[in-house]
PDB file of all heavy atoms in Angstrom:
ATOM      1  N   PHE A   1       0.844  -1.192   0.000  1.00  0.00           N
ATOM      2  CA  PHE A   1       0.000   0.000   0.000  1.00  0.00           C
ATOM      3  C   PHE A   1       0.879   1.242   0.000  1.00  0.00           C
ATOM      4  O   PHE A   1       1.822   1.348   0.791  1.00  0.00           O
ATOM      5  CB  PHE A   1      -0.922   0.005   1.218  1.00  0.00           C
ATOM      6  CG  PHE A   1      -1.982  -1.063   1.165  1.00  0.00           C
ATOM      7  CD1 PHE A   1      -1.772  -2.297   1.756  1.00  0.00           C
ATOM      8  CD2 PHE A   1      -3.182  -0.826   0.504  1.00  0.00           C
ATOM      9  CE1 PHE A   1      -2.737  -3.294   1.691  1.00  0.00           C
ATOM     10  CE2 PHE A   1      -4.151  -1.819   0.437  1.00  0.00           C
ATOM     11  CZ  PHE A   1      -3.929  -3.051   1.030  1.00  0.00           C
ATOM     12  N   PHE A   2       0.552   2.175  -0.892  1.00  0.00           N
ATOM     13  CA  PHE A   2       1.310   3.417  -1.025  1.00  0.00           C
ATOM     14  C   PHE A   2       0.449   4.582  -0.525  1.00  0.00           C
ATOM     15  O   PHE A   2      -0.629   4.834  -1.065  1.00  0.00           O
ATOM     16  CB  PHE A   2       1.712   3.640  -2.485  1.00  0.00           C
ATOM     17  CG  PHE A   2       2.538   2.523  -3.051  1.00  0.00           C
ATOM     18  CD1 PHE A   2       1.933   1.428  -3.657  1.00  0.00           C
ATOM     19  CD2 PHE A   2       3.918   2.541  -2.963  1.00  0.00           C
ATOM     20  CE1 PHE A   2       2.681   0.381  -4.177  1.00  0.00           C
ATOM     21  CE2 PHE A   2       4.679   1.500  -3.474  1.00  0.00           C
ATOM     22  CZ  PHE A   2       4.061   0.419  -4.076  1.00  0.00           C
ATOM     23  N   PRO A   3       0.904   5.297   0.500  1.00  0.00           N
ATOM     24  CA  PRO A   3       0.105   6.380   1.092  1.00  0.00           C
ATOM     25  C   PRO A   3       0.186   7.657   0.259  1.00  0.00           C
ATOM     26  O   PRO A   3       1.034   8.515   0.496  1.00  0.00           O
ATOM     27  CB  PRO A   3       0.754   6.555   2.468  1.00  0.00           C
ATOM     28  CG  PRO A   3       2.189   6.183   2.252  1.00  0.00           C
ATOM     29  CD  PRO A   3       2.184   5.097   1.203  1.00  0.00           C
ATOM     30  N   THR A   4      -0.708   7.777  -0.711  1.00  0.00           N
ATOM     31  CA  THR A   4      -0.691   8.922  -1.614  1.00  0.00           C
ATOM     32  C   THR A   4      -0.796  10.243  -0.861  1.00  0.00           C
ATOM     33  O   THR A   4      -0.068  11.197  -1.155  1.00  0.00           O
ATOM     34  CB  THR A   4      -1.866   8.829  -2.614  1.00  0.00           C
ATOM     35  OG1 THR A   4      -1.907   7.512  -3.159  1.00  0.00           O
ATOM     36  CG2 THR A   4      -1.697   9.825  -3.738  1.00  0.00           C
ATOM     37  N   LEU A   5      -1.704  10.305   0.105  1.00  0.00           N
ATOM     38  CA  LEU A   5      -1.902  11.542   0.861  1.00  0.00           C
ATOM     39  C   LEU A   5      -0.619  11.961   1.569  1.00  0.00           C
ATOM     40  O   LEU A   5      -0.260  13.140   1.580  1.00  0.00           O
ATOM     41  CB  LEU A   5      -3.039  11.358   1.871  1.00  0.00           C
ATOM     42  CG  LEU A   5      -3.441  12.593   2.686  1.00  0.00           C
ATOM     43  CD1 LEU A   5      -3.971  13.686   1.779  1.00  0.00           C
ATOM     44  CD2 LEU A   5      -4.486  12.225   3.734  1.00  0.00           C
ATOM     45  N   SER A   6       0.084  11.001   2.152  1.00  0.00           N
ATOM     46  CA  SER A   6       1.338  11.308   2.851  1.00  0.00           C
ATOM     47  C   SER A   6       2.415  11.775   1.882  1.00  0.00           C
ATOM     48  O   SER A   6       3.171  12.714   2.174  1.00  0.00           O
ATOM     49  CB  SER A   6       1.827  10.071   3.619  1.00  0.00           C
ATOM     50  OG  SER A   6       0.892   9.684   4.612  1.00  0.00           O
ATOM     51  N   LEU A   7       2.500  11.125   0.736  1.00  0.00           N
ATOM     52  CA  LEU A   7       3.479  11.539  -0.272  1.00  0.00           C
ATOM     53  C   LEU A   7       3.223  12.972  -0.725  1.00  0.00           C
ATOM     54  O   LEU A   7       4.147  13.790  -0.836  1.00  0.00           O
ATOM     55  CB  LEU A   7       3.420  10.604  -1.488  1.00  0.00           C
ATOM     56  CG  LEU A   7       4.124   9.253  -1.382  1.00  0.00           C
ATOM     57  CD1 LEU A   7       3.781   8.392  -2.590  1.00  0.00           C
ATOM     58  CD2 LEU A   7       5.629   9.442  -1.282  1.00  0.00           C
ATOM     59  N   HIS A   8       1.969  13.296  -0.991  1.00  0.00           N
ATOM     60  CA  HIS A   8       1.612  14.619  -1.498  1.00  0.00           C
ATOM     61  C   HIS A   8       1.794  15.715  -0.451  1.00  0.00           C
ATOM     62  O   HIS A   8       1.828  16.900  -0.798  1.00  0.00           O
ATOM     63  CB  HIS A   8       0.159  14.616  -1.979  1.00  0.00           C
ATOM     64  CG  HIS A   8      -0.035  13.857  -3.244  1.00  0.00           C
ATOM     65  ND1 HIS A   8      -1.201  13.927  -3.986  1.00  0.00           N
ATOM     66  CD2 HIS A   8       0.767  13.001  -3.925  1.00  0.00           C
ATOM     67  CE1 HIS A   8      -1.099  13.160  -5.054  1.00  0.00           C
ATOM     68  NE2 HIS A   8       0.091  12.575  -5.032  1.00  0.00           N
ATOM     69  N   HIS A   9       1.888  15.320   0.822  1.00  0.00           N
ATOM     70  CA  HIS A   9       2.058  16.302   1.897  1.00  0.00           C
ATOM     71  C   HIS A   9       3.427  16.197   2.561  1.00  0.00           C
ATOM     72  O   HIS A   9       3.629  16.747   3.644  1.00  0.00           O
ATOM     73  CB  HIS A   9       0.943  16.130   2.934  1.00  0.00           C
ATOM     74  CG  HIS A   9      -0.373  16.673   2.488  1.00  0.00           C
ATOM     75  ND1 HIS A   9      -0.892  17.870   2.946  1.00  0.00           N
ATOM     76  CD2 HIS A   9      -1.275  16.203   1.587  1.00  0.00           C
ATOM     77  CE1 HIS A   9      -2.063  18.104   2.357  1.00  0.00           C
ATOM     78  NE2 HIS A   9      -2.308  17.099   1.537  1.00  0.00           N
ATOM     79  N   ASP A  10       4.338  15.516   1.896  1.00  0.00           N
ATOM     80  CA  ASP A  10       5.697  15.393   2.424  1.00  0.00           C
ATOM     81  C   ASP A  10       6.505  16.620   1.979  1.00  0.00           C
ATOM     82  O   ASP A  10       6.709  16.827   0.782  1.00  0.00           O
ATOM     83  CB  ASP A  10       6.350  14.115   1.882  1.00  0.00           C
ATOM     84  CG  ASP A  10       7.662  13.794   2.576  1.00  0.00           C
ATOM     85  OD1 ASP A  10       8.322  14.729   3.057  1.00  0.00           O
ATOM     86  OD2 ASP A  10       8.033  12.603   2.623  1.00  0.00           O
ATOM     87  N   PRO A  11       6.982  17.444   2.923  1.00  0.00           N
ATOM     88  CA  PRO A  11       7.741  18.649   2.541  1.00  0.00           C
ATOM     89  C   PRO A  11       9.033  18.339   1.787  1.00  0.00           C
ATOM     90  O   PRO A  11       9.604  19.220   1.145  1.00  0.00           O
ATOM     91  CB  PRO A  11       8.020  19.330   3.888  1.00  0.00           C
ATOM     92  CG  PRO A  11       7.863  18.262   4.927  1.00  0.00           C
ATOM     93  CD  PRO A  11       6.826  17.323   4.384  1.00  0.00           C
ATOM     94  N   LYS A  12       9.479  17.090   1.854  1.00  0.00           N
ATOM     95  CA  LYS A  12      10.655  16.692   1.083  1.00  0.00           C
ATOM     96  C   LYS A  12      10.377  16.812  -0.412  1.00  0.00           C
ATOM     97  O   LYS A  12      11.275  17.142  -1.202  1.00  0.00           O
ATOM     98  CB  LYS A  12      11.026  15.246   1.449  1.00  0.00           C
ATOM     99  CG  LYS A  12      12.170  14.666   0.635  1.00  0.00           C
ATOM    100  CD  LYS A  12      12.421  13.222   1.037  1.00  0.00           C
ATOM    101  CE  LYS A  12      13.513  12.587   0.182  1.00  0.00           C
ATOM    102  NZ  LYS A  12      13.733  11.150   0.553  1.00  0.00           N
ATOM    103  N   TYR A  13       9.148  16.541  -0.797  1.00  0.00           N
ATOM    104  CA  TYR A  13       8.777  16.588  -2.214  1.00  0.00           C
ATOM    105  C   TYR A  13       8.006  17.857  -2.576  1.00  0.00           C
ATOM    106  O   TYR A  13       8.118  18.364  -3.703  1.00  0.00           O
ATOM    107  CB  TYR A  13       7.927  15.363  -2.562  1.00  0.00           C
ATOM    108  CG  TYR A  13       8.605  14.054  -2.247  1.00  0.00           C
ATOM    109  CD1 TYR A  13       8.081  13.183  -1.289  1.00  0.00           C
ATOM    110  CD2 TYR A  13       9.776  13.683  -2.889  1.00  0.00           C
ATOM    111  CE1 TYR A  13       8.704  11.983  -0.986  1.00  0.00           C
ATOM    112  CE2 TYR A  13      10.411  12.489  -2.599  1.00  0.00           C
ATOM    113  CZ  TYR A  13       9.874  11.641  -1.646  1.00  0.00           C
ATOM    114  OH  TYR A  13      10.514  10.456  -1.349  1.00  0.00           O
ATOM    115  N   PHE A  14       7.208  18.355  -1.638  1.00  0.00           N
ATOM    116  CA  PHE A  14       6.389  19.541  -1.896  1.00  0.00           C
ATOM    117  C   PHE A  14       6.535  20.514  -0.722  1.00  0.00           C
ATOM    118  O   PHE A  14       5.848  20.372   0.298  1.00  0.00           O
ATOM    119  CB  PHE A  14       4.916  19.153  -2.084  1.00  0.00           C
ATOM    120  CG  PHE A  14       4.683  18.218  -3.228  1.00  0.00           C
ATOM    121  CD1 PHE A  14       4.525  16.853  -3.006  1.00  0.00           C
ATOM    122  CD2 PHE A  14       4.626  18.689  -4.536  1.00  0.00           C
ATOM    123  CE1 PHE A  14       4.320  15.984  -4.073  1.00  0.00           C
ATOM    124  CE2 PHE A  14       4.431  17.824  -5.594  1.00  0.00           C
ATOM    125  CZ  PHE A  14       4.272  16.468  -5.366  1.00  0.00           C
ATOM    126  N   PRO A  15       7.450  21.490  -0.820  1.00  0.00           N
ATOM    127  CA  PRO A  15       7.639  22.467   0.255  1.00  0.00           C
ATOM    128  C   PRO A  15       6.326  23.173   0.601  1.00  0.00           C
ATOM    129  O   PRO A  15       5.508  23.432  -0.273  1.00  0.00           O
ATOM    130  CB  PRO A  15       8.655  23.446  -0.337  1.00  0.00           C
ATOM    131  CG  PRO A  15       9.379  22.644  -1.383  1.00  0.00           C
ATOM    132  CD  PRO A  15       8.352  21.715  -1.959  1.00  0.00           C
ATOM    133  N   GLU A  16       6.149  23.451   1.889  1.00  0.00           N
ATOM    134  CA  GLU A  16       4.916  24.059   2.391  1.00  0.00           C
ATOM    135  C   GLU A  16       3.690  23.317   1.846  1.00  0.00           C
ATOM    136  O   GLU A  16       2.857  23.887   1.145  1.00  0.00           O
ATOM    137  CB  GLU A  16       4.837  25.535   2.014  1.00  0.00           C
ATOM    138  CG  GLU A  16       5.941  26.409   2.592  1.00  0.00           C
ATOM    139  CD  GLU A  16       5.750  27.867   2.229  1.00  0.00           C
ATOM    140  OE1 GLU A  16       5.072  28.587   2.984  1.00  0.00           O
ATOM    141  OE2 GLU A  16       6.273  28.275   1.170  1.00  0.00           O
ATOM    142  N   PRO A  17       3.575  22.041   2.167  1.00  0.00           N
ATOM    143  CA  PRO A  17       2.537  21.196   1.554  1.00  0.00           C
ATOM    144  C   PRO A  17       1.107  21.642   1.836  1.00  0.00           C
ATOM    145  O   PRO A  17       0.213  21.347   1.045  1.00  0.00           O
ATOM    146  CB  PRO A  17       2.805  19.815   2.152  1.00  0.00           C
ATOM    147  CG  PRO A  17       3.570  20.076   3.406  1.00  0.00           C
ATOM    148  CD  PRO A  17       4.389  21.288   3.128  1.00  0.00           C
ATOM    149  N   GLU A  18       0.866  22.367   2.951  1.00  0.00           N
ATOM    150  CA  GLU A  18      -0.493  22.804   3.266  1.00  0.00           C
ATOM    151  C   GLU A  18      -0.895  24.050   2.479  1.00  0.00           C
ATOM    152  O   GLU A  18      -2.054  24.455   2.498  1.00  0.00           O
ATOM    153  CB  GLU A  18      -0.617  23.075   4.769  1.00  0.00           C
ATOM    154  CG  GLU A  18      -0.398  21.848   5.644  1.00  0.00           C
ATOM    155  CD  GLU A  18      -1.354  20.719   5.300  1.00  0.00           C
ATOM    156  OE1 GLU A  18      -2.540  21.005   5.026  1.00  0.00           O
ATOM    157  OE2 GLU A  18      -0.925  19.559   5.292  1.00  0.00           O
ATOM    158  N   LYS A  19       0.062  24.645   1.794  1.00  0.00           N
ATOM    159  CA  LYS A  19      -0.216  25.846   1.000  1.00  0.00           C
ATOM    160  C   LYS A  19      -0.776  25.456  -0.363  1.00  0.00           C
ATOM    161  O   LYS A  19      -0.251  24.560  -1.025  1.00  0.00           O
ATOM    162  CB  LYS A  19       1.063  26.665   0.829  1.00  0.00           C
ATOM    163  CG  LYS A  19       0.888  27.944   0.023  1.00  0.00           C
ATOM    164  CD  LYS A  19       2.217  28.675  -0.115  1.00  0.00           C
ATOM    165  CE  LYS A  19       2.061  29.954  -0.937  1.00  0.00           C
ATOM    166  NZ  LYS A  19       3.366  30.659  -1.101  1.00  0.00           N
ATOM    167  N   PHE A  20      -1.848  26.137  -0.782  1.00  0.00           N
ATOM    168  CA  PHE A  20      -2.417  25.886  -2.107  1.00  0.00           C
ATOM    169  C   PHE A  20      -1.687  26.768  -3.112  1.00  0.00           C
ATOM    170  O   PHE A  20      -1.892  27.972  -3.183  1.00  0.00           O
ATOM    171  CB  PHE A  20      -3.913  26.215  -2.105  1.00  0.00           C
ATOM    172  CG  PHE A  20      -4.621  25.857  -3.389  1.00  0.00           C
ATOM    173  CD1 PHE A  20      -4.967  24.541  -3.668  1.00  0.00           C
ATOM    174  CD2 PHE A  20      -4.938  26.829  -4.322  1.00  0.00           C
ATOM    175  CE1 PHE A  20      -5.606  24.205  -4.843  1.00  0.00           C
ATOM    176  CE2 PHE A  20      -5.584  26.509  -5.501  1.00  0.00           C
ATOM    177  CZ  PHE A  20      -5.919  25.190  -5.766  1.00  0.00           C
ATOM    178  N   ASP A  21      -0.806  26.164  -3.895  1.00  0.00           N
ATOM    179  CA  ASP A  21       0.069  26.904  -4.805  1.00  0.00           C
ATOM    180  C   ASP A  21       0.093  26.255  -6.186  1.00  0.00           C
ATOM    181  O   ASP A  21       0.896  25.365  -6.447  1.00  0.00           O
ATOM    182  CB  ASP A  21       1.486  26.968  -4.220  1.00  0.00           C
ATOM    183  CG  ASP A  21       2.438  27.765  -5.096  1.00  0.00           C
ATOM    184  OD1 ASP A  21       1.969  28.476  -6.016  1.00  0.00           O
ATOM    185  OD2 ASP A  21       3.657  27.681  -4.861  1.00  0.00           O
ATOM    186  N   PRO A  22      -0.775  26.695  -7.096  1.00  0.00           N
ATOM    187  CA  PRO A  22      -0.814  26.104  -8.445  1.00  0.00           C
ATOM    188  C   PRO A  22       0.488  26.245  -9.221  1.00  0.00           C
ATOM    189  O   PRO A  22       0.742  25.465 -10.148  1.00  0.00           O
ATOM    190  CB  PRO A  22      -1.947  26.881  -9.129  1.00  0.00           C
ATOM    191  CG  PRO A  22      -2.817  27.372  -8.014  1.00  0.00           C
ATOM    192  CD  PRO A  22      -1.857  27.682  -6.899  1.00  0.00           C
ATOM    193  N   ASP A  23       1.319  27.214  -8.844  1.00  0.00           N
ATOM    194  CA  ASP A  23       2.565  27.414  -9.578  1.00  0.00           C
ATOM    195  C   ASP A  23       3.574  26.297  -9.343  1.00  0.00           C
ATOM    196  O   ASP A  23       4.611  26.252 -10.003  1.00  0.00           O
ATOM    197  CB  ASP A  23       3.186  28.770  -9.222  1.00  0.00           C
ATOM    198  CG  ASP A  23       2.440  29.927  -9.890  1.00  0.00           C
ATOM    199  OD1 ASP A  23       1.893  29.714 -10.994  1.00  0.00           O
ATOM    200  OD2 ASP A  23       2.394  31.032  -9.309  1.00  0.00           O
ATOM    201  N   ARG A  24       3.285  25.399  -8.413  1.00  0.00           N
ATOM    202  CA  ARG A  24       4.140  24.205  -8.286  1.00  0.00           C
ATOM    203  C   ARG A  24       4.179  23.457  -9.613  1.00  0.00           C
ATOM    204  O   ARG A  24       5.153  22.774  -9.933  1.00  0.00           O
ATOM    205  CB  ARG A  24       3.584  23.244  -7.232  1.00  0.00           C
ATOM    206  CG  ARG A  24       3.504  23.727  -5.823  1.00  0.00           C
ATOM    207  CD  ARG A  24       2.907  22.619  -4.949  1.00  0.00           C
ATOM    208  NE  ARG A  24       2.385  23.135  -3.699  1.00  0.00           N
ATOM    209  CZ  ARG A  24       3.100  23.263  -2.592  1.00  0.00           C
ATOM    210  NH1 ARG A  24       4.362  22.924  -2.609  1.00  0.00           N
ATOM    211  NH2 ARG A  24       2.549  23.737  -1.489  1.00  0.00           N
ATOM    212  N   PHE A  25       3.061  23.535 -10.358  1.00  0.00           N
ATOM    213  CA  PHE A  25       2.917  22.759 -11.591  1.00  0.00           C
ATOM    214  C   PHE A  25       3.077  23.631 -12.842  1.00  0.00           C
ATOM    215  O   PHE A  25       2.662  23.232 -13.930  1.00  0.00           O
ATOM    216  CB  PHE A  25       1.568  22.044 -11.601  1.00  0.00           C
ATOM    217  CG  PHE A  25       1.452  21.000 -10.526  1.00  0.00           C
ATOM    218  CD1 PHE A  25       0.947  21.322  -9.275  1.00  0.00           C
ATOM    219  CD2 PHE A  25       1.886  19.707 -10.747  1.00  0.00           C
ATOM    220  CE1 PHE A  25       0.848  20.370  -8.267  1.00  0.00           C
ATOM    221  CE2 PHE A  25       1.805  18.746  -9.752  1.00  0.00           C
ATOM    222  CZ  PHE A  25       1.290  19.078  -8.505  1.00  0.00           C
ATOM    223  N   ALA A  26       3.656  24.822 -12.671  1.00  0.00           N
ATOM    224  CA  ALA A  26       3.979  25.652 -13.834  1.00  0.00           C
ATOM    225  C   ALA A  26       5.038  24.930 -14.667  1.00  0.00           C
ATOM    226  O   ALA A  26       5.846  24.159 -14.130  1.00  0.00           O
ATOM    227  CB  ALA A  26       4.483  27.015 -13.374  1.00  0.00           C
ATOM    228  N   PRO A  27       5.048  25.142 -15.977  1.00  0.00           N
ATOM    229  CA  PRO A  27       5.997  24.419 -16.845  1.00  0.00           C
ATOM    230  C   PRO A  27       7.444  24.501 -16.372  1.00  0.00           C
ATOM    231  O   PRO A  27       8.185  23.512 -16.462  1.00  0.00           O
ATOM    232  CB  PRO A  27       5.812  25.107 -18.200  1.00  0.00           C
ATOM    233  CG  PRO A  27       4.410  25.607 -18.172  1.00  0.00           C
ATOM    234  CD  PRO A  27       4.157  26.029 -16.757  1.00  0.00           C
ATOM    235  N   GLU A  28       7.844  25.656 -15.840  1.00  0.00           N
ATOM    236  CA  GLU A  28       9.236  25.816 -15.428  1.00  0.00           C
ATOM    237  C   GLU A  28       9.546  25.084 -14.121  1.00  0.00           C
ATOM    238  O   GLU A  28      10.723  24.942 -13.753  1.00  0.00           O
ATOM    239  CB  GLU A  28       9.578  27.303 -15.263  1.00  0.00           C
ATOM    240  CG  GLU A  28       8.807  28.033 -14.185  1.00  0.00           C
ATOM    241  CD  GLU A  28       7.486  28.630 -14.681  1.00  0.00           C
ATOM    242  OE1 GLU A  28       7.014  28.196 -15.749  1.00  0.00           O
ATOM    243  OE2 GLU A  28       6.960  29.520 -13.997  1.00  0.00           O
ATOM    244  N   ASN A  29       8.515  24.594 -13.425  1.00  0.00           N
ATOM    245  CA  ASN A  29       8.737  23.896 -12.148  1.00  0.00           C
ATOM    246  C   ASN A  29       8.495  22.397 -12.222  1.00  0.00           C
ATOM    247  O   ASN A  29       8.717  21.696 -11.226  1.00  0.00           O
ATOM    248  CB  ASN A  29       7.830  24.493 -11.071  1.00  0.00           C
ATOM    249  CG  ASN A  29       8.199  25.916 -10.721  1.00  0.00           C
ATOM    250  OD1 ASN A  29       9.381  26.288 -10.763  1.00  0.00           O
ATOM    251  ND2 ASN A  29       7.212  26.725 -10.380  1.00  0.00           N
TER     252      ASN A  29
END
């Protein structure tokens, strides 16, 4: 079992995970 929610909220992969920031997925990022 892979904990998707934990991965998506891991600051190692997504800094400030509780922040709603669409620019994480901008082409340059």
